[in-house]
Amino acid sequence: MNEIDRKRLRQKIYICGYTNQQLANEIGVSPSTISNILLGHTKPKFEVLRALFGALELSFDEFVQIFFPHEYQLTIDKDSLGDFDQGQPSL
């Protein structure tokens, strides 16, 4: 996992009505873990990703946009090509 979209993650935490402390309590981590993720100092472990997915009620699309933004952008760019390469076999 590369960089996460910390701004989008902060927005989702706010929309869900959590403080960092409340979110940390909800998912069973320390508040410093949440802070370090939001500051970009730490990449969340799988268990934390799974807990955030549930606590923030993320759709799969939101999850990918937040935690895999580069890969999500590559998918969007590929999809936006449309029929650009007509006559070529599709992948």
PDB file of N, CA and C in Angstrom:
ATOM      1  N   MET A   1       0.856  -1.169   0.000  1.00  0.00           N
ATOM      2  CA  MET A   1       0.000   0.000   0.000  1.00  0.00           C
ATOM      3  C   MET A   1       0.902   1.232   0.000  1.00  0.00           C
ATOM      4  N   ASN A   2       0.622   2.132  -0.900  1.00  0.00           N
ATOM      5  CA  ASN A   2       1.341   3.398  -0.940  1.00  0.00           C
ATOM      6  C   ASN A   2       0.637   4.396  -0.034  1.00  0.00           C
ATOM      7  N   GLU A   3       0.743   5.649  -0.372  1.00  0.00           N
ATOM      8  CA  GLU A   3       0.076   6.694   0.397  1.00  0.00           C
ATOM      9  C   GLU A   3      -1.433   6.481   0.414  1.00  0.00           C
ATOM     10  N   ILE A   4      -2.040   6.842   1.526  1.00  0.00           N
ATOM     11  CA  ILE A   4      -3.497   6.818   1.591  1.00  0.00           C
ATOM     12  C   ILE A   4      -4.006   8.242   1.394  1.00  0.00           C
ATOM     13  N   ASP A   5      -5.264   8.359   1.033  1.00  0.00           N
ATOM     14  CA  ASP A   5      -5.886   9.672   0.874  1.00  0.00           C
ATOM     15  C   ASP A   5      -6.336  10.127   2.259  1.00  0.00           C
ATOM     16  N   ARG A   6      -5.423  10.767   2.967  1.00  0.00           N
ATOM     17  CA  ARG A   6      -5.683  11.153   4.357  1.00  0.00           C
ATOM     18  C   ARG A   6      -6.800  12.184   4.460  1.00  0.00           C
ATOM     19  N   LYS A   7      -6.887  13.073   3.496  1.00  0.00           N
ATOM     20  CA  LYS A   7      -7.950  14.079   3.514  1.00  0.00           C
ATOM     21  C   LYS A   7      -9.318  13.410   3.427  1.00  0.00           C
ATOM     22  N   ARG A   8      -9.446  12.463   2.519  1.00  0.00           N
ATOM     23  CA  ARG A   8     -10.722  11.758   2.360  1.00  0.00           C
ATOM     24  C   ARG A   8     -11.043  10.937   3.608  1.00  0.00           C
ATOM     25  N   LEU A   9     -10.013  10.342   4.217  1.00  0.00           N
ATOM     26  CA  LEU A   9     -10.223   9.579   5.445  1.00  0.00           C
ATOM     27  C   LEU A   9     -10.700  10.500   6.571  1.00  0.00           C
ATOM     28  N   ARG A  10     -10.055  11.657   6.713  1.00  0.00           N
ATOM     29  CA  ARG A  10     -10.494  12.624   7.737  1.00  0.00           C
ATOM     30  C   ARG A  10     -11.948  13.032   7.519  1.00  0.00           C
ATOM     31  N   GLN A  11     -12.310  13.282   6.257  1.00  0.00           N
ATOM     32  CA  GLN A  11     -13.686  13.673   5.945  1.00  0.00           C
ATOM     33  C   GLN A  11     -14.666  12.582   6.347  1.00  0.00           C
ATOM     34  N   LYS A  12     -14.330  11.350   6.053  1.00  0.00           N
ATOM     35  CA  LYS A  12     -15.224  10.236   6.377  1.00  0.00           C
ATOM     36  C   LYS A  12     -15.361  10.073   7.891  1.00  0.00           C
ATOM     37  N   ILE A  13     -14.279  10.236   8.618  1.00  0.00           N
ATOM     38  CA  ILE A  13     -14.336  10.164  10.079  1.00  0.00           C
ATOM     39  C   ILE A  13     -15.268  11.255  10.602  1.00  0.00           C
ATOM     40  N   TYR A  14     -15.124  12.459  10.076  1.00  0.00           N
ATOM     41  CA  TYR A  14     -15.966  13.585  10.491  1.00  0.00           C
ATOM     42  C   TYR A  14     -17.435  13.326  10.150  1.00  0.00           C
ATOM     43  N   ILE A  15     -17.699  12.878   8.930  1.00  0.00           N
ATOM     44  CA  ILE A  15     -19.076  12.606   8.489  1.00  0.00           C
ATOM     45  C   ILE A  15     -19.736  11.560   9.379  1.00  0.00           C
ATOM     46  N   CYS A  16     -18.961  10.577   9.811  1.00  0.00           N
ATOM     47  CA  CYS A  16     -19.505   9.520  10.673  1.00  0.00           C
ATOM     48  C   CYS A  16     -19.657   9.982  12.122  1.00  0.00           C
ATOM     49  N   GLY A  17     -19.196  11.182  12.429  1.00  0.00           N
ATOM     50  CA  GLY A  17     -19.395  11.747  13.759  1.00  0.00           C
ATOM     51  C   GLY A  17     -18.393  11.308  14.807  1.00  0.00           C
ATOM     52  N   TYR A  18     -17.271  10.767  14.375  1.00  0.00           N
ATOM     53  CA  TYR A  18     -16.253  10.309  15.319  1.00  0.00           C
ATOM     54  C   TYR A  18     -15.211  11.386  15.583  1.00  0.00           C
ATOM     55  N   THR A  19     -14.731  11.421  16.803  1.00  0.00           N
ATOM     56  CA  THR A  19     -13.453  12.067  17.088  1.00  0.00           C
ATOM     57  C   THR A  19     -12.403  10.973  16.904  1.00  0.00           C
ATOM     58  N   ASN A  20     -11.142  11.366  16.853  1.00  0.00           N
ATOM     59  CA  ASN A  20     -10.090  10.347  16.749  1.00  0.00           C
ATOM     60  C   ASN A  20     -10.132   9.398  17.941  1.00  0.00           C
ATOM     61  N   GLN A  21     -10.378   9.947  19.122  1.00  0.00           N
ATOM     62  CA  GLN A  21     -10.464   9.133  20.342  1.00  0.00           C
ATOM     63  C   GLN A  21     -11.615   8.132  20.244  1.00  0.00           C
ATOM     64  N   GLN A  22     -12.781   8.592  19.818  1.00  0.00           N
ATOM     65  CA  GLN A  22     -13.948   7.714  19.708  1.00  0.00           C
ATOM     66  C   GLN A  22     -13.714   6.616  18.674  1.00  0.00           C
ATOM     67  N   LEU A  23     -13.125   6.987  17.543  1.00  0.00           N
ATOM     68  CA  LEU A  23     -12.849   5.987  16.508  1.00  0.00           C
ATOM     69  C   LEU A  23     -11.850   4.955  17.019  1.00  0.00           C
ATOM     70  N   ALA A  24     -10.821   5.424  17.700  1.00  0.00           N
ATOM     71  CA  ALA A  24      -9.827   4.507  18.268  1.00  0.00           C
ATOM     72  C   ALA A  24     -10.487   3.527  19.227  1.00  0.00           C
ATOM     73  N   ASN A  25     -11.350   4.032  20.101  1.00  0.00           N
ATOM     74  CA  ASN A  25     -12.064   3.158  21.036  1.00  0.00           C
ATOM     75  C   ASN A  25     -12.950   2.169  20.293  1.00  0.00           C
ATOM     76  N   GLU A  26     -13.620   2.640  19.259  1.00  0.00           N
ATOM     77  CA  GLU A  26     -14.541   1.794  18.485  1.00  0.00           C
ATOM     78  C   GLU A  26     -13.824   0.617  17.830  1.00  0.00           C
ATOM     79  N   ILE A  27     -12.627   0.873  17.309  1.00  0.00           N
ATOM     80  CA  ILE A  27     -11.948  -0.195  16.567  1.00  0.00           C
ATOM     81  C   ILE A  27     -10.844  -0.880  17.377  1.00  0.00           C
ATOM     82  N   GLY A  28     -10.660  -0.457  18.627  1.00  0.00           N
ATOM     83  CA  GLY A  28      -9.723  -1.155  19.504  1.00  0.00           C
ATOM     84  C   GLY A  28      -8.256  -0.851  19.282  1.00  0.00           C
ATOM     85  N   VAL A  29      -7.958   0.393  18.930  1.00  0.00           N
ATOM     86  CA  VAL A  29      -6.557   0.810  18.799  1.00  0.00           C
ATOM     87  C   VAL A  29      -6.346   2.048  19.659  1.00  0.00           C
ATOM     88  N   SER A  30      -5.105   2.456  19.783  1.00  0.00           N
ATOM     89  CA  SER A  30      -4.820   3.663  20.563  1.00  0.00           C
ATOM     90  C   SER A  30      -5.114   4.901  19.716  1.00  0.00           C
ATOM     91  N   PRO A  31      -5.436   6.006  20.372  1.00  0.00           N
ATOM     92  CA  PRO A  31      -5.636   7.251  19.627  1.00  0.00           C
ATOM     93  C   PRO A  31      -4.397   7.655  18.822  1.00  0.00           C
ATOM     94  N   SER A  32      -3.217   7.313  19.335  1.00  0.00           N
ATOM     95  CA  SER A  32      -1.995   7.652  18.594  1.00  0.00           C
ATOM     96  C   SER A  32      -1.903   6.877  17.280  1.00  0.00           C
ATOM     97  N   THR A  33      -2.477   5.674  17.237  1.00  0.00           N
ATOM     98  CA  THR A  33      -2.505   4.913  15.985  1.00  0.00           C
ATOM     99  C   THR A  33      -3.314   5.669  14.940  1.00  0.00           C
ATOM    100  N   ILE A  34      -4.491   6.157  15.327  1.00  0.00           N
ATOM    101  CA  ILE A  34      -5.327   6.926  14.401  1.00  0.00           C
ATOM    102  C   ILE A  34      -4.589   8.188  13.969  1.00  0.00           C
ATOM    103  N   SER A  35      -4.000   8.879  14.922  1.00  0.00           N
ATOM    104  CA  SER A  35      -3.261  10.102  14.627  1.00  0.00           C
ATOM    105  C   SER A  35      -2.114   9.838  13.657  1.00  0.00           C
ATOM    106  N   ASN A  36      -1.363   8.777  13.901  1.00  0.00           N
ATOM    107  CA  ASN A  36      -0.232   8.446  13.031  1.00  0.00           C
ATOM    108  C   ASN A  36      -0.678   8.083  11.621  1.00  0.00           C
ATOM    109  N   ILE A  37      -1.813   7.425  11.488  1.00  0.00           N
ATOM    110  CA  ILE A  37      -2.356   7.114  10.163  1.00  0.00           C
ATOM    111  C   ILE A  37      -2.736   8.408   9.451  1.00  0.00           C
ATOM    112  N   LEU A  38      -3.436   9.291  10.166  1.00  0.00           N
ATOM    113  CA  LEU A  38      -3.895  10.544   9.561  1.00  0.00           C
ATOM    114  C   LEU A  38      -2.751  11.496   9.221  1.00  0.00           C
ATOM    115  N   LEU A  39      -1.645  11.380   9.942  1.00  0.00           N
ATOM    116  CA  LEU A  39      -0.475  12.214   9.654  1.00  0.00           C
ATOM    117  C   LEU A  39       0.441  11.590   8.603  1.00  0.00           C
ATOM    118  N   GLY A  40       0.165  10.349   8.229  1.00  0.00           N
ATOM    119  CA  GLY A  40       0.984   9.676   7.229  1.00  0.00           C
ATOM    120  C   GLY A  40       2.243   9.051   7.783  1.00  0.00           C
ATOM    121  N   HIS A  41       2.328   8.928   9.109  1.00  0.00           N
ATOM    122  CA  HIS A  41       3.509   8.329   9.736  1.00  0.00           C
ATOM    123  C   HIS A  41       3.442   6.809   9.755  1.00  0.00           C
ATOM    124  N   THR A  42       2.231   6.266   9.702  1.00  0.00           N
ATOM    125  CA  THR A  42       2.011   4.829   9.819  1.00  0.00           C
ATOM    126  C   THR A  42       1.023   4.383   8.760  1.00  0.00           C
ATOM    127  N   LYS A  43       1.280   3.225   8.192  1.00  0.00           N
ATOM    128  CA  LYS A  43       0.309   2.603   7.298  1.00  0.00           C
ATOM    129  C   LYS A  43      -0.484   1.594   8.120  1.00  0.00           C
ATOM    130  N   PRO A  44      -1.797   1.626   8.004  1.00  0.00           N
ATOM    131  CA  PRO A  44      -2.597   0.726   8.844  1.00  0.00           C
ATOM    132  C   PRO A  44      -2.383  -0.737   8.493  1.00  0.00           C
ATOM    133  N   LYS A  45      -2.336  -1.568   9.528  1.00  0.00           N
ATOM    134  CA  LYS A  45      -2.253  -3.014   9.344  1.00  0.00           C
ATOM    135  C   LYS A  45      -3.598  -3.533   8.853  1.00  0.00           C
ATOM    136  N   PHE A  46      -3.597  -4.755   8.361  1.00  0.00           N
ATOM    137  CA  PHE A  46      -4.811  -5.350   7.804  1.00  0.00           C
ATOM    138  C   PHE A  46      -5.970  -5.309   8.793  1.00  0.00           C
ATOM    139  N   GLU A  47      -5.700  -5.656  10.045  1.00  0.00           N
ATOM    140  CA  GLU A  47      -6.764  -5.690  11.049  1.00  0.00           C
ATOM    141  C   GLU A  47      -7.373  -4.302  11.250  1.00  0.00           C
ATOM    142  N   VAL A  48      -6.534  -3.279  11.203  1.00  0.00           N
ATOM    143  CA  VAL A  48      -7.014  -1.904  11.358  1.00  0.00           C
ATOM    144  C   VAL A  48      -7.814  -1.490  10.126  1.00  0.00           C
ATOM    145  N   LEU A  49      -7.331  -1.866   8.944  1.00  0.00           N
ATOM    146  CA  LEU A  49      -8.086  -1.577   7.715  1.00  0.00           C
ATOM    147  C   LEU A  49      -9.481  -2.182   7.782  1.00  0.00           C
ATOM    148  N   ARG A  50      -9.537  -3.424   8.195  1.00  0.00           N
ATOM    149  CA  ARG A  50     -10.828  -4.118   8.285  1.00  0.00           C
ATOM    150  C   ARG A  50     -11.741  -3.432   9.297  1.00  0.00           C
ATOM    151  N   ALA A  51     -11.185  -3.029  10.427  1.00  0.00           N
ATOM    152  CA  ALA A  51     -11.979  -2.352  11.453  1.00  0.00           C
ATOM    153  C   ALA A  51     -12.461  -0.984  10.973  1.00  0.00           C
ATOM    154  N   LEU A  52     -11.606  -0.253  10.273  1.00  0.00           N
ATOM    155  CA  LEU A  52     -12.008   1.050   9.728  1.00  0.00           C
ATOM    156  C   LEU A  52     -13.108   0.884   8.688  1.00  0.00           C
ATOM    157  N   PHE A  53     -12.983  -0.131   7.861  1.00  0.00           N
ATOM    158  CA  PHE A  53     -13.999  -0.424   6.843  1.00  0.00           C
ATOM    159  C   PHE A  53     -15.370  -0.575   7.493  1.00  0.00           C
ATOM    160  N   GLY A  54     -15.412  -1.311   8.589  1.00  0.00           N
ATOM    161  CA  GLY A  54     -16.676  -1.535   9.283  1.00  0.00           C
ATOM    162  C   GLY A  54     -17.161  -0.325  10.058  1.00  0.00           C
ATOM    163  N   ALA A  55     -16.281   0.282  10.838  1.00  0.00           N
ATOM    164  CA  ALA A  55     -16.684   1.403  11.694  1.00  0.00           C
ATOM    165  C   ALA A  55     -17.128   2.613  10.887  1.00  0.00           C
ATOM    166  N   LEU A  56     -16.463   2.852   9.763  1.00  0.00           N
ATOM    167  CA  LEU A  56     -16.801   4.013   8.936  1.00  0.00           C
ATOM    168  C   LEU A  56     -17.845   3.684   7.873  1.00  0.00           C
ATOM    169  N   GLU A  57     -18.307   2.427   7.890  1.00  0.00           N
ATOM    170  CA  GLU A  57     -19.325   1.966   6.937  1.00  0.00           C
ATOM    171  C   GLU A  57     -18.946   2.343   5.508  1.00  0.00           C
ATOM    172  N   LEU A  58     -17.703   2.008   5.158  1.00  0.00           N
ATOM    173  CA  LEU A  58     -17.191   2.338   3.835  1.00  0.00           C
ATOM    174  C   LEU A  58     -17.758   1.397   2.787  1.00  0.00           C
ATOM    175  N   SER A  59     -18.098   1.942   1.645  1.00  0.00           N
ATOM    176  CA  SER A  59     -18.401   1.087   0.504  1.00  0.00           C
ATOM    177  C   SER A  59     -17.052   0.578  -0.016  1.00  0.00           C
ATOM    178  N   PHE A  60     -17.083  -0.432  -0.838  1.00  0.00           N
ATOM    179  CA  PHE A  60     -15.833  -0.944  -1.401  1.00  0.00           C
ATOM    180  C   PHE A  60     -15.133   0.157  -2.196  1.00  0.00           C
ATOM    181  N   ASP A  61     -15.904   0.923  -2.955  1.00  0.00           N
ATOM    182  CA  ASP A  61     -15.354   2.007  -3.759  1.00  0.00           C
ATOM    183  C   ASP A  61     -14.673   3.057  -2.873  1.00  0.00           C
ATOM    184  N   GLU A  62     -15.322   3.441  -1.779  1.00  0.00           N
ATOM    185  CA  GLU A  62     -14.724   4.407  -0.850  1.00  0.00           C
ATOM    186  C   GLU A  62     -13.438   3.849  -0.247  1.00  0.00           C
ATOM    187  N   PHE A  63     -13.468   2.571   0.119  1.00  0.00           N
ATOM    188  CA  PHE A  63     -12.300   1.921   0.707  1.00  0.00           C
ATOM    189  C   PHE A  63     -11.105   2.012  -0.240  1.00  0.00           C
ATOM    190  N   VAL A  64     -11.332   1.682  -1.501  1.00  0.00           N
ATOM    191  CA  VAL A  64     -10.248   1.725  -2.485  1.00  0.00           C
ATOM    192  C   VAL A  64      -9.793   3.163  -2.714  1.00  0.00           C
ATOM    193  N   GLN A  65     -10.728   4.100  -2.810  1.00  0.00           N
ATOM    194  CA  GLN A  65     -10.366   5.508  -3.014  1.00  0.00           C
ATOM    195  C   GLN A  65      -9.498   6.039  -1.879  1.00  0.00           C
ATOM    196  N   ILE A  66      -9.786   5.630  -0.662  1.00  0.00           N
ATOM    197  CA  ILE A  66      -9.036   6.124   0.499  1.00  0.00           C
ATOM    198  C   ILE A  66      -7.700   5.409   0.668  1.00  0.00           C
ATOM    199  N   PHE A  67      -7.720   4.086   0.643  1.00  0.00           N
ATOM    200  CA  PHE A  67      -6.524   3.332   1.011  1.00  0.00           C
ATOM    201  C   PHE A  67      -5.653   2.910  -0.168  1.00  0.00           C
ATOM    202  N   PHE A  68      -6.178   2.989  -1.379  1.00  0.00           N
ATOM    203  CA  PHE A  68      -5.416   2.649  -2.581  1.00  0.00           C
ATOM    204  C   PHE A  68      -5.687   3.682  -3.668  1.00  0.00           C
ATOM    205  N   PRO A  69      -5.472   4.979  -3.372  1.00  0.00           N
ATOM    206  CA  PRO A  69      -5.865   6.024  -4.326  1.00  0.00           C
ATOM    207  C   PRO A  69      -5.132   5.943  -5.654  1.00  0.00           C
ATOM    208  N   HIS A  70      -3.877   5.540  -5.641  1.00  0.00           N
ATOM    209  CA  HIS A  70      -3.126   5.450  -6.897  1.00  0.00           C
ATOM    210  C   HIS A  70      -3.712   4.364  -7.790  1.00  0.00           C
ATOM    211  N   GLU A  71      -3.997   3.203  -7.214  1.00  0.00           N
ATOM    212  CA  GLU A  71      -4.574   2.111  -7.981  1.00  0.00           C
ATOM    213  C   GLU A  71      -5.969   2.482  -8.475  1.00  0.00           C
ATOM    214  N   TYR A  72      -6.729   3.199  -7.653  1.00  0.00           N
ATOM    215  CA  TYR A  72      -8.071   3.635  -8.052  1.00  0.00           C
ATOM    216  C   TYR A  72      -7.968   4.573  -9.248  1.00  0.00           C
ATOM    217  N   GLN A  73      -7.017   5.498  -9.218  1.00  0.00           N
ATOM    218  CA  GLN A  73      -6.850   6.443 -10.324  1.00  0.00           C
ATOM    219  C   GLN A  73      -6.452   5.716 -11.595  1.00  0.00           C
ATOM    220  N   LEU A  74      -5.602   4.696 -11.493  1.00  0.00           N
ATOM    221  CA  LEU A  74      -5.228   3.919 -12.673  1.00  0.00           C
ATOM    222  C   LEU A  74      -6.451   3.253 -13.286  1.00  0.00           C
ATOM    223  N   THR A  75      -7.345   2.744 -12.454  1.00  0.00           N
ATOM    224  CA  THR A  75      -8.568   2.112 -12.940  1.00  0.00           C
ATOM    225  C   THR A  75      -9.441   3.129 -13.645  1.00  0.00           C
ATOM    226  N   ILE A  76      -9.606   4.301 -13.067  1.00  0.00           N
ATOM    227  CA  ILE A  76     -10.416   5.355 -13.672  1.00  0.00           C
ATOM    228  C   ILE A  76      -9.816   5.761 -15.009  1.00  0.00           C
ATOM    229  N   ASP A  77      -8.508   5.956 -15.055  1.00  0.00           N
ATOM    230  CA  ASP A  77      -7.856   6.357 -16.297  1.00  0.00           C
ATOM    231  C   ASP A  77      -8.059   5.316 -17.386  1.00  0.00           C
ATOM    232  N   LYS A  78      -7.926   4.051 -17.048  1.00  0.00           N
ATOM    233  CA  LYS A  78      -8.112   2.982 -18.025  1.00  0.00           C
ATOM    234  C   LYS A  78      -9.555   2.953 -18.513  1.00  0.00           C
ATOM    235  N   ASP A  79     -10.509   3.089 -17.597  1.00  0.00           N
ATOM    236  CA  ASP A  79     -11.918   3.069 -17.971  1.00  0.00           C
ATOM    237  C   ASP A  79     -12.288   4.263 -18.833  1.00  0.00           C
ATOM    238  N   SER A  80     -11.630   5.393 -18.649  1.00  0.00           N
ATOM    239  CA  SER A  80     -11.979   6.593 -19.405  1.00  0.00           C
ATOM    240  C   SER A  80     -11.494   6.530 -20.843  1.00  0.00           C
ATOM    241  N   LEU A  81     -10.664   5.548 -21.174  1.00  0.00           N
ATOM    242  CA  LEU A  81     -10.208   5.400 -22.551  1.00  0.00           C
ATOM    243  C   LEU A  81     -11.347   5.009 -23.483  1.00  0.00           C
ATOM    244  N   GLY A  82     -12.329   4.317 -22.927  1.00  0.00           N
ATOM    245  CA  GLY A  82     -13.495   3.927 -23.724  1.00  0.00           C
ATOM    246  C   GLY A  82     -13.099   3.138 -24.952  1.00  0.00           C
ATOM    247  N   ASP A  83     -13.543   3.595 -26.099  1.00  0.00           N
ATOM    248  CA  ASP A  83     -13.285   2.906 -27.367  1.00  0.00           C
ATOM    249  C   ASP A  83     -12.064   3.467 -28.072  1.00  0.00           C
ATOM    250  N   PHE A  84     -11.155   4.057 -27.332  1.00  0.00           N
ATOM    251  CA  PHE A  84      -9.988   4.696 -27.916  1.00  0.00           C
ATOM    252  C   PHE A  84      -9.216   3.757 -28.829  1.00  0.00           C
ATOM    253  N   ASP A  85      -9.004   2.540 -28.362  1.00  0.00           N
ATOM    254  CA  ASP A  85      -8.208   1.608 -29.160  1.00  0.00           C
ATOM    255  C   ASP A  85      -9.111   0.592 -29.846  1.00  0.00           C
ATOM    256  N   GLN A  86     -10.037   1.076 -30.655  1.00  0.00           N
ATOM    257  CA  GLN A  86     -10.925   0.187 -31.402  1.00  0.00           C
ATOM    258  C   GLN A  86     -10.086  -0.682 -32.329  1.00  0.00           C
ATOM    259  N   GLY A  87     -10.524  -1.876 -32.490  1.00  0.00           N
ATOM    260  CA  GLY A  87      -9.811  -2.808 -33.340  1.00  0.00           C
ATOM    261  C   GLY A  87      -8.757  -3.598 -32.598  1.00  0.00           C
ATOM    262  N   GLN A  88      -8.439  -3.190 -31.410  1.00  0.00           N
ATOM    263  CA  GLN A  88      -7.476  -3.914 -30.600  1.00  0.00           C
ATOM    264  C   GLN A  88      -8.229  -4.846 -29.665  1.00  0.00           C
ATOM    265  N   PRO A  89      -7.701  -6.016 -29.409  1.00  0.00           N
ATOM    266  CA  PRO A  89      -8.369  -6.898 -28.448  1.00  0.00           C
ATOM    267  C   PRO A  89      -8.414  -6.234 -27.078  1.00  0.00           C
ATOM    268  N   SER A  90      -9.532  -6.351 -26.413  1.00  0.00           N
ATOM    269  CA  SER A  90      -9.633  -5.768 -25.075  1.00  0.00           C
ATOM    270  C   SER A  90      -8.968  -6.681 -24.066  1.00  0.00           C
ATOM    271  N   LEU A  91      -8.452  -6.069 -23.029  1.00  0.00           N
ATOM    272  CA  LEU A  91      -7.740  -6.820 -21.987  1.00  0.00           C
ATOM    273  C   LEU A  91      -8.676  -7.352 -20.972  1.00  0.00           C
TER     274      LEU A  91
END
